[in-house]
Amino acid sequence: MAQQPANPKIIGSAKAPVTMDVYSDFECPHCKHLHDDALKMVIANDVAKGKVRVIIHDFPLSQHKYAREAARYAIAAGRIGEYQKVADMLFASQTEWGTGGSKQGDVDEVVARVLTPAQMTKLRAMLKDPAIDAEITRDMALGAQIPLTQTPTMVFTSKGKTYPVAGAVSYDILEKLIDSI
């Protein structure tokens, strides 16, 4: 039996002194900005140095009609080792498949741009697994406990203390926060 890849939504060492939980929505423009800029820098710099562990949580907002479907595709892609590739494509093409886009709601077509036909066949079969929706529901329940008021929201945890940060912020601000805690 093939071993399922480690959780692709957890990046970095469990021994890192800071954990950064990121609550995000694939259809949120501010989440796109965070993903494309600051988060990539945190991963390249702080995660790589063992300072931070990043945990991605899906938090599709009700006003974003296709965000949950996008999250489902990303989670399924993670099961075949392609989470990051699909997440990158979903954010890159957000204005196409998102509400008001030219391919509104067509998450499948957008994801098919970065996966092979064989991978898409596997992914589509995995979308039927209720565990995918259960994972999103768990992430949303965690976010509701904070309580989240917007996406993106990041919760930094270090030495038993939590530091929530809401909104798309620059890497410079995140780096200063990480260094201070």
Protein backbone atom coordinates (compact mmCIF):
# COMPACT_ATOMS: atom_id res chain seq x y z
CA MET A 1 0.00 0.00 0.00
CA ALA A 2 1.42 3.41 -1.00
CA GLN A 3 2.10 5.80 1.85
CA GLN A 4 0.05 8.98 1.76
CA PRO A 5 2.26 12.09 1.66
CA ALA A 6 2.71 14.09 4.88
CA ASN A 7 0.22 16.92 5.35
CA PRO A 8 1.22 19.45 2.67
CA LYS A 9 -0.58 22.21 4.57
CA ILE A 10 2.05 21.98 7.33
CA ILE A 11 5.38 23.48 6.32
CA GLY A 12 8.40 23.39 8.59
CA SER A 13 9.59 21.63 11.69
CA ALA A 14 7.37 20.89 14.67
CA LYS A 15 10.40 22.02 16.73
CA ALA A 16 10.29 25.58 15.34
CA PRO A 17 9.90 28.11 18.17
CA VAL A 18 7.05 29.92 16.38
CA THR A 19 3.95 28.41 14.77
CA MET A 20 2.07 30.51 12.24
CA ASP A 21 -1.49 29.30 11.62
CA VAL A 22 -2.83 30.91 8.44
CA TYR A 23 -6.60 31.02 7.86
CA SER A 24 -7.19 31.66 4.19
CA ASP A 25 -9.84 31.67 1.46
CA PHE A 26 -8.84 30.89 -2.13
CA GLU A 27 -11.29 33.49 -3.48
CA CYS A 28 -10.15 36.32 -1.16
CA PRO A 29 -7.97 38.95 -2.90
CA HIS A 30 -6.16 39.76 0.36
CA CYS A 31 -5.38 36.07 0.84
CA LYS A 32 -3.94 36.01 -2.69
CA HIS A 33 -1.70 38.93 -1.81
CA LEU A 34 -0.52 37.23 1.39
CA HIS A 35 0.06 33.92 -0.44
CA ASP A 36 1.92 35.44 -3.37
CA ASP A 37 4.15 37.76 -1.38
CA ALA A 38 4.62 37.60 2.39
CA LEU A 39 3.87 33.91 2.93
CA LYS A 40 6.33 32.81 0.25
CA MET A 41 8.99 34.96 1.93
CA VAL A 42 8.20 33.51 5.37
CA ILE A 43 8.59 30.00 3.94
CA ALA A 44 11.77 30.82 2.01
CA ASN A 45 13.42 32.65 4.90
CA ASP A 46 11.96 31.84 8.31
CA VAL A 47 10.74 28.29 7.75
CA ALA A 48 13.98 27.41 5.96
CA LYS A 49 15.96 28.65 8.99
CA GLY A 50 13.82 26.61 11.40
CA LYS A 51 12.34 29.71 13.06
CA VAL A 52 8.73 29.16 11.98
CA ARG A 53 6.32 26.35 11.24
CA VAL A 54 3.41 27.33 8.97
CA ILE A 55 0.04 25.58 9.11
CA ILE A 56 -2.51 26.46 6.41
CA HIS A 57 -6.22 26.31 7.29
CA ASP A 58 -9.04 26.65 4.78
CA PHE A 59 -11.60 29.23 5.83
CA PRO A 60 -13.91 29.81 2.84
CA LEU A 61 -16.07 32.84 3.51
CA SER A 62 -19.78 32.61 2.74
CA GLN A 63 -19.67 35.55 0.32
CA HIS A 64 -17.11 33.72 -1.83
CA LYS A 65 -19.30 31.34 -3.78
CA TYR A 66 -16.51 29.08 -5.11
CA ALA A 67 -13.93 29.23 -2.30
CA ARG A 68 -15.02 25.96 -0.68
CA GLU A 69 -14.83 24.12 -3.99
CA ALA A 70 -11.34 25.52 -4.56
CA ALA A 71 -10.31 24.35 -1.08
CA ARG A 72 -11.68 20.87 -1.86
CA TYR A 73 -9.55 20.69 -5.01
CA ALA A 74 -6.43 21.86 -3.17
CA ILE A 75 -6.89 19.30 -0.39
CA ALA A 76 -7.44 16.51 -2.92
CA ALA A 77 -4.34 17.66 -4.82
CA GLY A 78 -2.41 17.41 -1.58
CA ARG A 79 -3.28 13.74 -1.39
CA ILE A 80 -1.40 13.18 -4.64
CA GLY A 81 1.52 15.39 -3.64
CA GLU A 82 0.49 18.47 -5.63
CA TYR A 83 -1.02 20.80 -3.01
CA GLN A 84 1.35 23.72 -3.53
CA LYS A 85 1.14 23.58 -7.32
CA VAL A 86 -2.67 23.66 -7.19
CA ALA A 87 -2.81 26.33 -4.46
CA ASP A 88 -0.45 28.52 -6.50
CA MET A 89 -2.63 28.11 -9.61
CA LEU A 90 -5.86 28.79 -7.73
CA PHE A 91 -4.50 32.05 -6.36
CA ALA A 92 -2.86 33.02 -9.68
CA SER A 93 -6.10 32.55 -11.61
CA GLN A 94 -8.49 33.73 -8.88
CA THR A 95 -10.03 36.47 -11.04
CA GLU A 96 -10.92 33.87 -13.70
CA TRP A 97 -12.68 31.16 -11.66
CA GLY A 98 -13.89 33.37 -8.81
CA THR A 99 -17.16 35.25 -8.63
CA GLY A 100 -17.45 37.54 -11.63
CA GLY A 101 -14.62 35.86 -13.55
CA SER A 102 -14.75 34.70 -17.16
CA LYS A 103 -14.58 31.06 -16.01
CA GLN A 104 -16.71 31.66 -12.92
CA GLY A 105 -16.88 28.52 -10.80
CA ASP A 106 -14.79 26.39 -13.18
CA VAL A 107 -12.21 25.34 -10.61
CA ASP A 108 -11.74 22.00 -12.40
CA GLU A 109 -10.58 23.61 -15.66
CA VAL A 110 -8.11 25.85 -13.84
CA VAL A 111 -6.62 23.01 -11.79
CA ALA A 112 -6.33 20.84 -14.93
CA ARG A 113 -3.80 23.37 -16.27
CA VAL A 114 -1.18 22.20 -13.77
CA LEU A 115 -1.98 18.51 -13.35
CA THR A 116 -1.69 15.66 -15.81
CA PRO A 117 -4.85 13.94 -17.06
CA ALA A 118 -4.01 10.92 -14.88
CA GLN A 119 -3.62 13.17 -11.82
CA MET A 120 -6.94 14.88 -12.60
CA THR A 121 -8.66 11.48 -12.76
CA LYS A 122 -7.30 10.62 -9.30
CA LEU A 123 -8.18 14.05 -7.93
CA ARG A 124 -11.76 13.93 -9.22
CA ALA A 125 -12.24 10.52 -7.58
CA MET A 126 -10.87 11.87 -4.29
CA LEU A 127 -13.33 14.78 -4.35
CA LYS A 128 -16.05 12.25 -3.47
CA ASP A 129 -14.36 11.49 -0.13
CA PRO A 130 -16.35 13.09 2.71
CA ALA A 131 -13.07 13.47 4.66
CA ILE A 132 -12.20 16.42 2.40
CA ASP A 133 -15.27 18.38 3.46
CA ALA A 134 -14.69 17.29 7.05
CA GLU A 135 -11.19 18.80 6.93
CA ILE A 136 -12.58 22.15 5.78
CA THR A 137 -15.25 22.00 8.48
CA ARG A 138 -12.55 21.34 11.12
CA ASP A 139 -10.47 24.27 9.86
CA MET A 140 -13.52 26.54 9.97
CA ALA A 141 -14.38 25.40 13.50
CA LEU A 142 -10.83 26.21 14.63
CA GLY A 143 -11.12 29.64 13.04
CA ALA A 144 -14.48 30.25 14.70
CA GLN A 145 -12.86 29.64 18.11
CA ILE A 146 -10.42 32.54 17.59
CA PRO A 147 -12.94 34.11 16.53
CA LEU A 148 -11.98 35.05 12.99
CA THR A 149 -13.42 38.28 11.63
CA GLN A 150 -11.71 38.23 8.23
CA THR A 151 -9.32 36.42 5.94
CA PRO A 152 -6.47 36.20 5.90
CA THR A 153 -5.88 35.88 9.61
CA MET A 154 -2.63 34.57 11.00
CA VAL A 155 -2.22 33.36 14.56
CA PHE A 156 1.35 33.21 15.78
CA THR A 157 2.01 30.96 18.77
CA SER A 158 5.20 30.92 20.79
CA LYS A 159 5.93 29.93 24.38
CA GLY A 160 2.24 29.38 25.09
CA LYS A 161 1.16 32.85 23.95
CA THR A 162 -0.83 33.68 20.83
CA TYR A 163 -0.59 36.74 18.64
CA PRO A 164 -3.40 37.12 16.06
CA VAL A 165 -2.78 39.28 12.99
CA ALA A 166 -5.63 39.98 10.56
CA GLY A 167 -5.35 41.15 6.97
CA ALA A 168 -2.72 40.97 4.28
CA VAL A 169 0.47 42.33 5.77
CA SER A 170 3.92 42.73 4.28
CA TYR A 171 6.76 40.34 4.92
CA ASP A 172 8.67 43.09 6.71
CA ILE A 173 5.92 43.36 9.32
CA LEU A 174 5.67 39.58 9.71
CA GLU A 175 9.43 39.25 10.05
CA LYS A 176 9.51 41.88 12.81
CA LEU A 177 6.71 40.08 14.64
CA ILE A 178 8.42 36.71 14.30
CA ASP A 179 11.71 38.12 15.56
CA SER A 180 10.00 39.83 18.50
CA ILE A 181 8.24 36.71 19.75
